[in-house]
Amino acid sequence: TLTADLVCAGGVALTVQTDDVDIDLNGHSLIGTAPGTAIQVQNAVGV
C-alpha cells in the first residue's frame, strides 16, 4: 500500500512475479519522469 506518491526515473518501477499480489495506490500516484514501465506483471495471476 502506497503511503505517498512514488516517483521513478524510467526503467521498470515495480515488477510482480508472484500470484495474488495487491497493489493499493491508496489515492496516490506512481509517476515516471523518463520512458519506462510503471508495473510489469510476469506470469502471475490474481494480481
ModelCIF file with pLDDT and N, C-alpha, C, O atoms, coordinates in Angstrom:
data_MODEL
#
_entry.id   MODEL 
#
_entity.id                         1 
_entity.type                       polymer 
_entity.pdbx_number_of_molecules   1 
#
_entity_poly.entity_id                      1 
_entity_poly.type                           'polypeptide(L)' 
_entity_poly.nstd_linkage                   no 
_entity_poly.nstd_monomer                   no 
_entity_poly.pdbx_seq_one_letter_code       TLTADLVCAGGVALTVQTDDVDIDLNGHSLIGTAPGTAIQVQNAVGV 
_entity_poly.pdbx_seq_one_letter_code_can   TLTADLVCAGGVALTVQTDDVDIDLNGHSLIGTAPGTAIQVQNAVGV 
_entity_poly.pdbx_strand_id                 A 
#
loop_
_entity_poly_seq.entity_id 
_entity_poly_seq.num 
_entity_poly_seq.mon_id 
_entity_poly_seq.hetero 
1 1  THR n 
1 2  LEU n 
1 3  THR n 
1 4  ALA n 
1 5  ASP n 
1 6  LEU n 
1 7  VAL n 
1 8  CYS n 
1 9  ALA n 
1 10 GLY n 
1 11 GLY n 
1 12 VAL n 
1 13 ALA n 
1 14 LEU n 
1 15 THR n 
1 16 VAL n 
1 17 GLN n 
1 18 THR n 
1 19 ASP n 
1 20 ASP n 
1 21 VAL n 
1 22 ASP n 
1 23 ILE n 
1 24 ASP n 
1 25 LEU n 
1 26 ASN n 
1 27 GLY n 
1 28 HIS n 
1 29 SER n 
1 30 LEU n 
1 31 ILE n 
1 32 GLY n 
1 33 THR n 
1 34 ALA n 
1 35 PRO n 
1 36 GLY n 
1 37 THR n 
1 38 ALA n 
1 39 ILE n 
1 40 GLN n 
1 41 VAL n 
1 42 GLN n 
1 43 ASN n 
1 44 ALA n 
1 45 VAL n 
1 46 GLY n 
1 47 VAL n 
#
_struct_asym.id          A 
_struct_asym.entity_id   1 
#
loop_
_ma_qa_metric.id 
_ma_qa_metric.mode 
_ma_qa_metric.name 
_ma_qa_metric.software_group_id 
_ma_qa_metric.type 
1 global pLDDT . pLDDT 
2 local  pLDDT . pLDDT 
#
_ma_qa_metric_global.metric_id      1 
_ma_qa_metric_global.metric_value   96.79 
_ma_qa_metric_global.model_id       1 
_ma_qa_metric_global.ordinal_id     1 
#
loop_
_ma_qa_metric_local.label_asym_id 
_ma_qa_metric_local.label_comp_id 
_ma_qa_metric_local.label_seq_id 
_ma_qa_metric_local.metric_id 
_ma_qa_metric_local.metric_value 
_ma_qa_metric_local.model_id 
_ma_qa_metric_local.ordinal_id 
A THR 1  2 97.00 1 1  
A LEU 2  2 97.00 1 2  
A THR 3  2 96.00 1 3  
A ALA 4  2 97.00 1 4  
A ASP 5  2 97.00 1 5  
A LEU 6  2 97.00 1 6  
A VAL 7  2 97.00 1 7  
A CYS 8  2 97.00 1 8  
A ALA 9  2 94.00 1 9  
A GLY 10 2 85.00 1 10 
A GLY 11 2 94.00 1 11 
A VAL 12 2 97.00 1 12 
A ALA 13 2 98.00 1 13 
A LEU 14 2 98.00 1 14 
A THR 15 2 98.00 1 15 
A VAL 16 2 98.00 1 16 
A GLN 17 2 96.00 1 17 
A THR 18 2 97.00 1 18 
A ASP 19 2 98.00 1 19 
A ASP 20 2 98.00 1 20 
A VAL 21 2 98.00 1 21 
A ASP 22 2 98.00 1 22 
A ILE 23 2 98.00 1 23 
A ASP 24 2 98.00 1 24 
A LEU 25 2 98.00 1 25 
A ASN 26 2 98.00 1 26 
A GLY 27 2 98.00 1 27 
A HIS 28 2 98.00 1 28 
A SER 29 2 98.00 1 29 
A LEU 30 2 98.00 1 30 
A ILE 31 2 98.00 1 31 
A GLY 32 2 97.00 1 32 
A THR 33 2 93.00 1 33 
A ALA 34 2 91.00 1 34 
A PRO 35 2 93.00 1 35 
A GLY 36 2 96.00 1 36 
A THR 37 2 98.00 1 37 
A ALA 38 2 98.00 1 38 
A ILE 39 2 98.00 1 39 
A GLN 40 2 98.00 1 40 
A VAL 41 2 98.00 1 41 
A GLN 42 2 97.00 1 42 
A ASN 43 2 96.00 1 43 
A ALA 44 2 98.00 1 44 
A VAL 45 2 98.00 1 45 
A GLY 46 2 98.00 1 46 
A VAL 47 2 98.00 1 47 
#
loop_
_atom_site.group_PDB 
_atom_site.id 
_atom_site.type_symbol 
_atom_site.label_atom_id 
_atom_site.label_alt_id 
_atom_site.label_comp_id 
_atom_site.label_asym_id 
_atom_site.label_entity_id 
_atom_site.label_seq_id 
_atom_site.pdbx_PDB_ins_code 
_atom_site.Cartn_x 
_atom_site.Cartn_y 
_atom_site.Cartn_z 
_atom_site.occupancy 
_atom_site.B_iso_or_equiv 
_atom_site.pdbx_formal_charge 
_atom_site.auth_seq_id 
_atom_site.auth_comp_id 
_atom_site.auth_asym_id 
_atom_site.auth_atom_id 
_atom_site.pdbx_PDB_model_num 
ATOM 1   N N  . THR A 1 1  ? 0.851  -1.183  0.000   1.00 97.00 ? 1  THR A N  1 
ATOM 2   C CA . THR A 1 1  ? 0.000  0.000   0.000   1.00 97.00 ? 1  THR A CA 1 
ATOM 3   C C  . THR A 1 1  ? 0.882  1.226   0.000   1.00 97.00 ? 1  THR A C  1 
ATOM 4   O O  . THR A 1 1  ? 1.728  1.385   0.879   1.00 97.00 ? 1  THR A O  1 
ATOM 5   N N  . LEU A 1 2  ? 0.692  2.101   -0.984  1.00 97.00 ? 2  LEU A N  1 
ATOM 6   C CA . LEU A 1 2  ? 1.473  3.338   -1.018  1.00 97.00 ? 2  LEU A CA 1 
ATOM 7   C C  . LEU A 1 2  ? 1.016  4.275   0.088   1.00 97.00 ? 2  LEU A C  1 
ATOM 8   O O  . LEU A 1 2  ? -0.176 4.395   0.374   1.00 97.00 ? 2  LEU A O  1 
ATOM 9   N N  . THR A 1 3  ? 1.978  4.929   0.696   1.00 96.00 ? 3  THR A N  1 
ATOM 10  C CA . THR A 1 3  ? 1.676  5.943   1.708   1.00 96.00 ? 3  THR A CA 1 
ATOM 11  C C  . THR A 1 3  ? 2.004  7.335   1.205   1.00 96.00 ? 3  THR A C  1 
ATOM 12  O O  . THR A 1 3  ? 1.764  8.322   1.900   1.00 96.00 ? 3  THR A O  1 
ATOM 13  N N  . ALA A 1 4  ? 2.553  7.421   -0.006  1.00 97.00 ? 4  ALA A N  1 
ATOM 14  C CA . ALA A 1 4  ? 2.865  8.702   -0.643  1.00 97.00 ? 4  ALA A CA 1 
ATOM 15  C C  . ALA A 1 4  ? 3.071  8.446   -2.123  1.00 97.00 ? 4  ALA A C  1 
ATOM 16  O O  . ALA A 1 4  ? 3.174  7.292   -2.539  1.00 97.00 ? 4  ALA A O  1 
ATOM 17  N N  . ASP A 1 5  ? 3.134  9.493   -2.921  1.00 97.00 ? 5  ASP A N  1 
ATOM 18  C CA . ASP A 1 5  ? 3.455  9.336   -4.328  1.00 97.00 ? 5  ASP A CA 1 
ATOM 19  C C  . ASP A 1 5  ? 4.829  8.679   -4.483  1.00 97.00 ? 5  ASP A C  1 
ATOM 20  O O  . ASP A 1 5  ? 5.740  8.919   -3.690  1.00 97.00 ? 5  ASP A O  1 
ATOM 21  N N  . LEU A 1 6  ? 4.958  7.845   -5.522  1.00 97.00 ? 6  LEU A N  1 
ATOM 22  C CA . LEU A 1 6  ? 6.237  7.200   -5.821  1.00 97.00 ? 6  LEU A CA 1 
ATOM 23  C C  . LEU A 1 6  ? 6.712  7.699   -7.180  1.00 97.00 ? 6  LEU A C  1 
ATOM 24  O O  . LEU A 1 6  ? 6.043  7.488   -8.192  1.00 97.00 ? 6  LEU A O  1 
ATOM 25  N N  . VAL A 1 7  ? 7.871  8.363   -7.201  1.00 97.00 ? 7  VAL A N  1 
ATOM 26  C CA . VAL A 1 7  ? 8.405  8.962   -8.412  1.00 97.00 ? 7  VAL A CA 1 
ATOM 27  C C  . VAL A 1 7  ? 9.628  8.158   -8.857  1.00 97.00 ? 7  VAL A C  1 
ATOM 28  O O  . VAL A 1 7  ? 10.576 7.976   -8.094  1.00 97.00 ? 7  VAL A O  1 
ATOM 29  N N  . CYS A 1 8  ? 9.589  7.671   -10.129 1.00 97.00 ? 8  CYS A N  1 
ATOM 30  C CA . CYS A 1 8  ? 10.659 6.812   -10.629 1.00 97.00 ? 8  CYS A CA 1 
ATOM 31  C C  . CYS A 1 8  ? 11.196 7.361   -11.952 1.00 97.00 ? 8  CYS A C  1 
ATOM 32  O O  . CYS A 1 8  ? 10.436 7.839   -12.795 1.00 97.00 ? 8  CYS A O  1 
ATOM 33  N N  . ALA A 1 9  ? 12.510 7.284   -12.115 1.00 94.00 ? 9  ALA A N  1 
ATOM 34  C CA . ALA A 1 9  ? 13.175 7.846   -13.292 1.00 94.00 ? 9  ALA A CA 1 
ATOM 35  C C  . ALA A 1 9  ? 13.425 6.754   -14.324 1.00 94.00 ? 9  ALA A C  1 
ATOM 36  O O  . ALA A 1 9  ? 14.558 6.310   -14.504 1.00 94.00 ? 9  ALA A O  1 
ATOM 37  N N  . GLY A 1 10 ? 12.352 6.320   -15.006 1.00 85.00 ? 10 GLY A N  1 
ATOM 38  C CA . GLY A 1 10 ? 12.497 5.372   -16.092 1.00 85.00 ? 10 GLY A CA 1 
ATOM 39  C C  . GLY A 1 10 ? 12.689 3.944   -15.633 1.00 85.00 ? 10 GLY A C  1 
ATOM 40  O O  . GLY A 1 10 ? 12.624 3.641   -14.442 1.00 85.00 ? 10 GLY A O  1 
ATOM 41  N N  . GLY A 1 11 ? 12.934 3.051   -16.619 1.00 94.00 ? 11 GLY A N  1 
ATOM 42  C CA . GLY A 1 11 ? 13.066 1.634   -16.313 1.00 94.00 ? 11 GLY A CA 1 
ATOM 43  C C  . GLY A 1 11 ? 11.729 1.036   -15.927 1.00 94.00 ? 11 GLY A C  1 
ATOM 44  O O  . GLY A 1 11 ? 10.678 1.535   -16.327 1.00 94.00 ? 11 GLY A O  1 
ATOM 45  N N  . VAL A 1 12 ? 11.770 -0.037  -15.147 1.00 97.00 ? 12 VAL A N  1 
ATOM 46  C CA . VAL A 1 12 ? 10.559 -0.677  -14.629 1.00 97.00 ? 12 VAL A CA 1 
ATOM 47  C C  . VAL A 1 12 ? 10.424 -0.298  -13.167 1.00 97.00 ? 12 VAL A C  1 
ATOM 48  O O  . VAL A 1 12 ? 11.293 -0.619  -12.357 1.00 97.00 ? 12 VAL A O  1 
ATOM 49  N N  . ALA A 1 13 ? 9.348  0.378   -12.826 1.00 98.00 ? 13 ALA A N  1 
ATOM 50  C CA . ALA A 1 13 ? 9.185  0.846   -11.450 1.00 98.00 ? 13 ALA A CA 1 
ATOM 51  C C  . ALA A 1 13 ? 8.906  -0.308  -10.495 1.00 98.00 ? 13 ALA A C  1 
ATOM 52  O O  . ALA A 1 13 ? 9.584  -0.452  -9.478  1.00 98.00 ? 13 ALA A O  1 
ATOM 53  N N  . LEU A 1 14 ? 7.896  -1.143  -10.821 1.00 98.00 ? 14 LEU A N  1 
ATOM 54  C CA . LEU A 1 14 ? 7.526  -2.254  -9.952  1.00 98.00 ? 14 LEU A CA 1 
ATOM 55  C C  . LEU A 1 14 ? 7.318  -3.500  -10.807 1.00 98.00 ? 14 LEU A C  1 
ATOM 56  O O  . LEU A 1 14 ? 6.712  -3.431  -11.876 1.00 98.00 ? 14 LEU A O  1 
ATOM 57  N N  . THR A 1 15 ? 7.815  -4.625  -10.338 1.00 98.00 ? 15 THR A N  1 
ATOM 58  C CA . THR A 1 15 ? 7.666  -5.900  -11.039 1.00 98.00 ? 15 THR A CA 1 
ATOM 59  C C  . THR A 1 15 ? 6.943  -6.884  -10.136 1.00 98.00 ? 15 THR A C  1 
ATOM 60  O O  . THR A 1 15 ? 7.241  -6.982  -8.946  1.00 98.00 ? 15 THR A O  1 
ATOM 61  N N  . VAL A 1 16 ? 5.972  -7.627  -10.715 1.00 98.00 ? 16 VAL A N  1 
ATOM 62  C CA . VAL A 1 16 ? 5.241  -8.657  -9.977  1.00 98.00 ? 16 VAL A CA 1 
ATOM 63  C C  . VAL A 1 16 ? 5.447  -9.982  -10.679 1.00 98.00 ? 16 VAL A C  1 
ATOM 64  O O  . VAL A 1 16 ? 5.131  -10.129 -11.859 1.00 98.00 ? 16 VAL A O  1 
ATOM 65  N N  . GLN A 1 17 ? 5.985  -10.956 -9.939  1.00 96.00 ? 17 GLN A N  1 
ATOM 66  C CA . GLN A 1 17 ? 6.180  -12.303 -10.463 1.00 96.00 ? 17 GLN A CA 1 
ATOM 67  C C  . GLN A 1 17 ? 5.538  -13.350 -9.561  1.00 96.00 ? 17 GLN A C  1 
ATOM 68  O O  . GLN A 1 17 ? 5.746  -14.550 -9.741  1.00 96.00 ? 17 GLN A O  1 
ATOM 69  N N  . THR A 1 18 ? 4.751  -12.882 -8.581  1.00 97.00 ? 18 THR A N  1 
ATOM 70  C CA . THR A 1 18 ? 4.137  -13.741 -7.574  1.00 97.00 ? 18 THR A CA 1 
ATOM 71  C C  . THR A 1 18 ? 2.621  -13.596 -7.643  1.00 97.00 ? 18 THR A C  1 
ATOM 72  O O  . THR A 1 18 ? 2.113  -12.487 -7.804  1.00 97.00 ? 18 THR A O  1 
ATOM 73  N N  . ASP A 1 19 ? 1.898  -14.701 -7.524  1.00 98.00 ? 19 ASP A N  1 
ATOM 74  C CA . ASP A 1 19 ? 0.440  -14.659 -7.564  1.00 98.00 ? 19 ASP A CA 1 
ATOM 75  C C  . ASP A 1 19 ? -0.139 -13.878 -6.387  1.00 98.00 ? 19 ASP A C  1 
ATOM 76  O O  . ASP A 1 19 ? 0.476  -13.760 -5.327  1.00 98.00 ? 19 ASP A O  1 
ATOM 77  N N  . ASP A 1 20 ? -1.354 -13.345 -6.611  1.00 98.00 ? 20 ASP A N  1 
ATOM 78  C CA . ASP A 1 20 ? -2.190 -12.762 -5.545  1.00 98.00 ? 20 ASP A CA 1 
ATOM 79  C C  . ASP A 1 20 ? -1.552 -11.551 -4.870  1.00 98.00 ? 20 ASP A C  1 
ATOM 80  O O  . ASP A 1 20 ? -1.739 -11.341 -3.671  1.00 98.00 ? 20 ASP A O  1 
ATOM 81  N N  . VAL A 1 21 ? -0.815 -10.769 -5.615  1.00 98.00 ? 21 VAL A N  1 
ATOM 82  C CA . VAL A 1 21 ? -0.259 -9.517  -5.087  1.00 98.00 ? 21 VAL A CA 1 
ATOM 83  C C  . VAL A 1 21 ? -1.249 -8.389  -5.348  1.00 98.00 ? 21 VAL A C  1 
ATOM 84  O O  . VAL A 1 21 ? -1.741 -8.227  -6.465  1.00 98.00 ? 21 VAL A O  1 
ATOM 85  N N  . ASP A 1 22 ? -1.536 -7.608  -4.299  1.00 98.00 ? 22 ASP A N  1 
ATOM 86  C CA . ASP A 1 22 ? -2.424 -6.454  -4.405  1.00 98.00 ? 22 ASP A CA 1 
ATOM 87  C C  . ASP A 1 22 ? -1.595 -5.175  -4.265  1.00 98.00 ? 22 ASP A C  1 
ATOM 88  O O  . ASP A 1 22 ? -0.883 -4.988  -3.279  1.00 98.00 ? 22 ASP A O  1 
ATOM 89  N N  . ILE A 1 23 ? -1.701 -4.297  -5.270  1.00 98.00 ? 23 ILE A N  1 
ATOM 90  C CA . ILE A 1 23 ? -1.023 -3.001  -5.216  1.00 98.00 ? 23 ILE A CA 1 
ATOM 91  C C  . ILE A 1 23 ? -2.084 -1.947  -4.994  1.00 98.00 ? 23 ILE A C  1 
ATOM 92  O O  . ILE A 1 23 ? -2.826 -1.600  -5.913  1.00 98.00 ? 23 ILE A O  1 
ATOM 93  N N  . ASP A 1 24 ? -2.158 -1.440  -3.785  1.00 98.00 ? 24 ASP A N  1 
ATOM 94  C CA . ASP A 1 24 ? -3.125 -0.397  -3.435  1.00 98.00 ? 24 ASP A CA 1 
ATOM 95  C C  . ASP A 1 24 ? -2.409 0.949   -3.511  1.00 98.00 ? 24 ASP A C  1 
ATOM 96  O O  . ASP A 1 24 ? -1.589 1.277   -2.653  1.00 98.00 ? 24 ASP A O  1 
ATOM 97  N N  . LEU A 1 25 ? -2.727 1.719   -4.538  1.00 98.00 ? 25 LEU A N  1 
ATOM 98  C CA . LEU A 1 25 ? -2.106 3.040   -4.672  1.00 98.00 ? 25 LEU A CA 1 
ATOM 99  C C  . LEU A 1 25 ? -2.606 4.009   -3.611  1.00 98.00 ? 25 LEU A C  1 
ATOM 100 O O  . LEU A 1 25 ? -1.983 5.041   -3.358  1.00 98.00 ? 25 LEU A O  1 
ATOM 101 N N  . ASN A 1 26 ? -3.736 3.673   -2.990  1.00 98.00 ? 26 ASN A N  1 
ATOM 102 C CA . ASN A 1 26 ? -4.200 4.394   -1.801  1.00 98.00 ? 26 ASN A CA 1 
ATOM 103 C C  . ASN A 1 26 ? -4.402 5.886   -2.077  1.00 98.00 ? 26 ASN A C  1 
ATOM 104 O O  . ASN A 1 26 ? -4.122 6.732   -1.228  1.00 98.00 ? 26 ASN A O  1 
ATOM 105 N N  . GLY A 1 27 ? -4.891 6.187   -3.276  1.00 98.00 ? 27 GLY A N  1 
ATOM 106 C CA . GLY A 1 27 ? -5.133 7.580   -3.633  1.00 98.00 ? 27 GLY A CA 1 
ATOM 107 C C  . GLY A 1 27 ? -3.913 8.337   -4.104  1.00 98.00 ? 27 GLY A C  1 
ATOM 108 O O  . GLY A 1 27 ? -4.010 9.523   -4.422  1.00 98.00 ? 27 GLY A O  1 
ATOM 109 N N  . HIS A 1 28 ? -2.761 7.678   -4.158  1.00 98.00 ? 28 HIS A N  1 
ATOM 110 C CA . HIS A 1 28 ? -1.515 8.323   -4.563  1.00 98.00 ? 28 HIS A CA 1 
ATOM 111 C C  . HIS A 1 28 ? -1.199 8.044   -6.035  1.00 98.00 ? 28 HIS A C  1 
ATOM 112 O O  . HIS A 1 28 ? -1.948 7.355   -6.727  1.00 98.00 ? 28 HIS A O  1 
ATOM 113 N N  . SER A 1 29 ? -0.076 8.594   -6.496  1.00 98.00 ? 29 SER A N  1 
ATOM 114 C CA . SER A 1 29 ? 0.326  8.470   -7.892  1.00 98.00 ? 29 SER A CA 1 
ATOM 115 C C  . SER A 1 29 ? 1.653  7.740   -8.007  1.00 98.00 ? 29 SER A C  1 
ATOM 116 O O  . SER A 1 29 ? 2.555  7.907   -7.186  1.00 98.00 ? 29 SER A O  1 
ATOM 117 N N  . LEU A 1 30 ? 1.743  6.931   -9.044  1.00 98.00 ? 30 LEU A N  1 
ATOM 118 C CA . LEU A 1 30 ? 3.004  6.323   -9.458  1.00 98.00 ? 30 LEU A CA 1 
ATOM 119 C C  . LEU A 1 30 ? 3.452  7.121   -10.674 1.00 98.00 ? 30 LEU A C  1 
ATOM 120 O O  . LEU A 1 30 ? 2.800  7.076   -11.717 1.00 98.00 ? 30 LEU A O  1 
ATOM 121 N N  . ILE A 1 31 ? 4.561  7.853   -10.554 1.00 98.00 ? 31 ILE A N  1 
ATOM 122 C CA . ILE A 1 31 ? 4.940  8.880   -11.521 1.00 98.00 ? 31 ILE A CA 1 
ATOM 123 C C  . ILE A 1 31 ? 6.267  8.514   -12.176 1.00 98.00 ? 31 ILE A C  1 
ATOM 124 O O  . ILE A 1 31 ? 7.246  8.207   -11.495 1.00 98.00 ? 31 ILE A O  1 
ATOM 125 N N  . GLY A 1 32 ? 6.286  8.551   -13.515 1.00 97.00 ? 32 GLY A N  1 
ATOM 126 C CA . GLY A 1 32 ? 7.526  8.330   -14.248 1.00 97.00 ? 32 GLY A CA 1 
ATOM 127 C C  . GLY A 1 32 ? 8.054  9.639   -14.795 1.00 97.00 ? 32 GLY A C  1 
ATOM 128 O O  . GLY A 1 32 ? 7.299  10.448  -15.333 1.00 97.00 ? 32 GLY A O  1 
ATOM 129 N N  . THR A 1 33 ? 9.340  9.842   -14.657 1.00 93.00 ? 33 THR A N  1 
ATOM 130 C CA . THR A 1 33 ? 9.963  11.065  -15.171 1.00 93.00 ? 33 THR A CA 1 
ATOM 131 C C  . THR A 1 33 ? 10.804 10.803  -16.411 1.00 93.00 ? 33 THR A C  1 
ATOM 132 O O  . THR A 1 33 ? 11.442 11.717  -16.932 1.00 93.00 ? 33 THR A O  1 
ATOM 133 N N  . ALA A 1 34 ? 10.811 9.557   -16.889 1.00 91.00 ? 34 ALA A N  1 
ATOM 134 C CA . ALA A 1 34 ? 11.553 9.187   -18.098 1.00 91.00 ? 34 ALA A CA 1 
ATOM 135 C C  . ALA A 1 34 ? 10.862 7.966   -18.694 1.00 91.00 ? 34 ALA A C  1 
ATOM 136 O O  . ALA A 1 34 ? 10.080 7.316   -18.000 1.00 91.00 ? 34 ALA A O  1 
ATOM 137 N N  . PRO A 1 35 ? 11.127 7.628   -19.968 1.00 93.00 ? 35 PRO A N  1 
ATOM 138 C CA . PRO A 1 35 ? 10.486 6.464   -20.571 1.00 93.00 ? 35 PRO A CA 1 
ATOM 139 C C  . PRO A 1 35 ? 10.703 5.200   -19.750 1.00 93.00 ? 35 PRO A C  1 
ATOM 140 O O  . PRO A 1 35 ? 11.789 4.955   -19.224 1.00 93.00 ? 35 PRO A O  1 
ATOM 141 N N  . GLY A 1 36 ? 9.645  4.407   -19.656 1.00 96.00 ? 36 GLY A N  1 
ATOM 142 C CA . GLY A 1 36 ? 9.746  3.168   -18.887 1.00 96.00 ? 36 GLY A CA 1 
ATOM 143 C C  . GLY A 1 36 ? 8.376  2.573   -18.647 1.00 96.00 ? 36 GLY A C  1 
ATOM 144 O O  . GLY A 1 36 ? 7.392  2.994   -19.256 1.00 96.00 ? 36 GLY A O  1 
ATOM 145 N N  . THR A 1 37 ? 8.311  1.585   -17.753 1.00 98.00 ? 37 THR A N  1 
ATOM 146 C CA . THR A 1 37 ? 7.084  0.868   -17.431 1.00 98.00 ? 37 THR A CA 1 
ATOM 147 C C  . THR A 1 37 ? 6.782  1.028   -15.954 1.00 98.00 ? 37 THR A C  1 
ATOM 148 O O  . THR A 1 37 ? 7.662  0.844   -15.113 1.00 98.00 ? 37 THR A O  1 
ATOM 149 N N  . ALA A 1 38 ? 5.546  1.367   -15.637 1.00 98.00 ? 38 ALA A N  1 
ATOM 150 C CA . ALA A 1 38 ? 5.174  1.552   -14.237 1.00 98.00 ? 38 ALA A CA 1 
ATOM 151 C C  . ALA A 1 38 ? 5.102  0.213   -13.502 1.00 98.00 ? 38 ALA A C  1 
ATOM 152 O O  . ALA A 1 38 ? 5.784  0.020   -12.496 1.00 98.00 ? 38 ALA A O  1 
ATOM 153 N N  . ILE A 1 39 ? 4.272  -0.717  -14.006 1.00 98.00 ? 39 ILE A N  1 
ATOM 154 C CA . ILE A 1 39 ? 4.089  -2.012  -13.351 1.00 98.00 ? 39 ILE A CA 1 
ATOM 155 C C  . ILE A 1 39 ? 4.197  -3.103  -14.403 1.00 98.00 ? 39 ILE A C  1 
ATOM 156 O O  . ILE A 1 39 ? 3.474  -3.090  -15.399 1.00 98.00 ? 39 ILE A O  1 
ATOM 157 N N  . GLN A 1 40 ? 5.092  -4.033  -14.180 1.00 98.00 ? 40 GLN A N  1 
ATOM 158 C CA . GLN A 1 40 ? 5.266  -5.167  -15.081 1.00 98.00 ? 40 GLN A CA 1 
ATOM 159 C C  . GLN A 1 40 ? 4.869  -6.444  -14.354 1.00 98.00 ? 40 GLN A C  1 
ATOM 160 O O  . GLN A 1 40 ? 5.400  -6.757  -13.289 1.00 98.00 ? 40 GLN A O  1 
ATOM 161 N N  . VAL A 1 41 ? 3.924  -7.180  -14.946 1.00 98.00 ? 41 VAL A N  1 
ATOM 162 C CA . VAL A 1 41 ? 3.446  -8.435  -14.351 1.00 98.00 ? 41 VAL A CA 1 
ATOM 163 C C  . VAL A 1 41 ? 3.893  -9.579  -15.250 1.00 98.00 ? 41 VAL A C  1 
ATOM 164 O O  . VAL A 1 41 ? 3.575  -9.607  -16.439 1.00 98.00 ? 41 VAL A O  1 
ATOM 165 N N  . GLN A 1 42 ? 4.631  -10.519 -14.673 1.00 97.00 ? 42 GLN A N  1 
ATOM 166 C CA . GLN A 1 42 ? 5.177  -11.635 -15.437 1.00 97.00 ? 42 GLN A CA 1 
ATOM 167 C C  . GLN A 1 42 ? 4.637  -12.952 -14.882 1.00 97.00 ? 42 GLN A C  1 
ATOM 168 O O  . GLN A 1 42 ? 4.987  -13.361 -13.776 1.00 97.00 ? 42 GLN A O  1 
ATOM 169 N N  . ASN A 1 43 ? 3.772  -13.614 -15.672 1.00 96.00 ? 43 ASN A N  1 
ATOM 170 C CA . ASN A 1 43 ? 3.314  -14.975 -15.342 1.00 96.00 ? 43 ASN A CA 1 
ATOM 171 C C  . ASN A 1 43 ? 2.725  -15.079 -13.952 1.00 96.00 ? 43 ASN A C  1 
ATOM 172 O O  . ASN A 1 43 ? 2.872  -16.106 -13.290 1.00 96.00 ? 43 ASN A O  1 
ATOM 173 N N  . ALA A 1 44 ? 2.059  -14.025 -13.499 1.00 98.00 ? 44 ALA A N  1 
ATOM 174 C CA . ALA A 1 44 ? 1.420  -14.046 -12.178 1.00 98.00 ? 44 ALA A CA 1 
ATOM 175 C C  . ALA A 1 44 ? -0.081 -13.856 -12.348 1.00 98.00 ? 44 ALA A C  1 
ATOM 176 O O  . ALA A 1 44 ? -0.515 -13.058 -13.179 1.00 98.00 ? 44 ALA A O  1 
ATOM 177 N N  . VAL A 1 45 ? -0.870 -14.578 -11.573 1.00 98.00 ? 45 VAL A N  1 
ATOM 178 C CA . VAL A 1 45 ? -2.325 -14.462 -11.619 1.00 98.00 ? 45 VAL A CA 1 
ATOM 179 C C  . VAL A 1 45 ? -2.824 -13.898 -10.296 1.00 98.00 ? 45 VAL A C  1 
ATOM 180 O O  . VAL A 1 45 ? -2.119 -13.906 -9.287  1.00 98.00 ? 45 VAL A O  1 
ATOM 181 N N  . GLY A 1 46 ? -4.067 -13.407 -10.328 1.00 98.00 ? 46 GLY A N  1 
ATOM 182 C CA . GLY A 1 46 ? -4.652 -12.847 -9.119  1.00 98.00 ? 46 GLY A CA 1 
ATOM 183 C C  . GLY A 1 46 ? -4.043 -11.526 -8.707  1.00 98.00 ? 46 GLY A C  1 
ATOM 184 O O  . GLY A 1 46 ? -4.126 -11.152 -7.537  1.00 98.00 ? 46 GLY A O  1 
ATOM 185 N N  . VAL A 1 47 ? -3.428 -10.805 -9.641  1.00 98.00 ? 47 VAL A N  1 
ATOM 186 C CA . VAL A 1 47 ? -2.802 -9.516  -9.333  1.00 98.00 ? 47 VAL A CA 1 
ATOM 187 C C  . VAL A 1 47 ? -3.858 -8.420  -9.427  1.00 98.00 ? 47 VAL A C  1 
ATOM 188 O O  . VAL A 1 47 ? -3.553 -7.248  -9.206  1.00 98.00 ? 47 VAL A O  1 
#
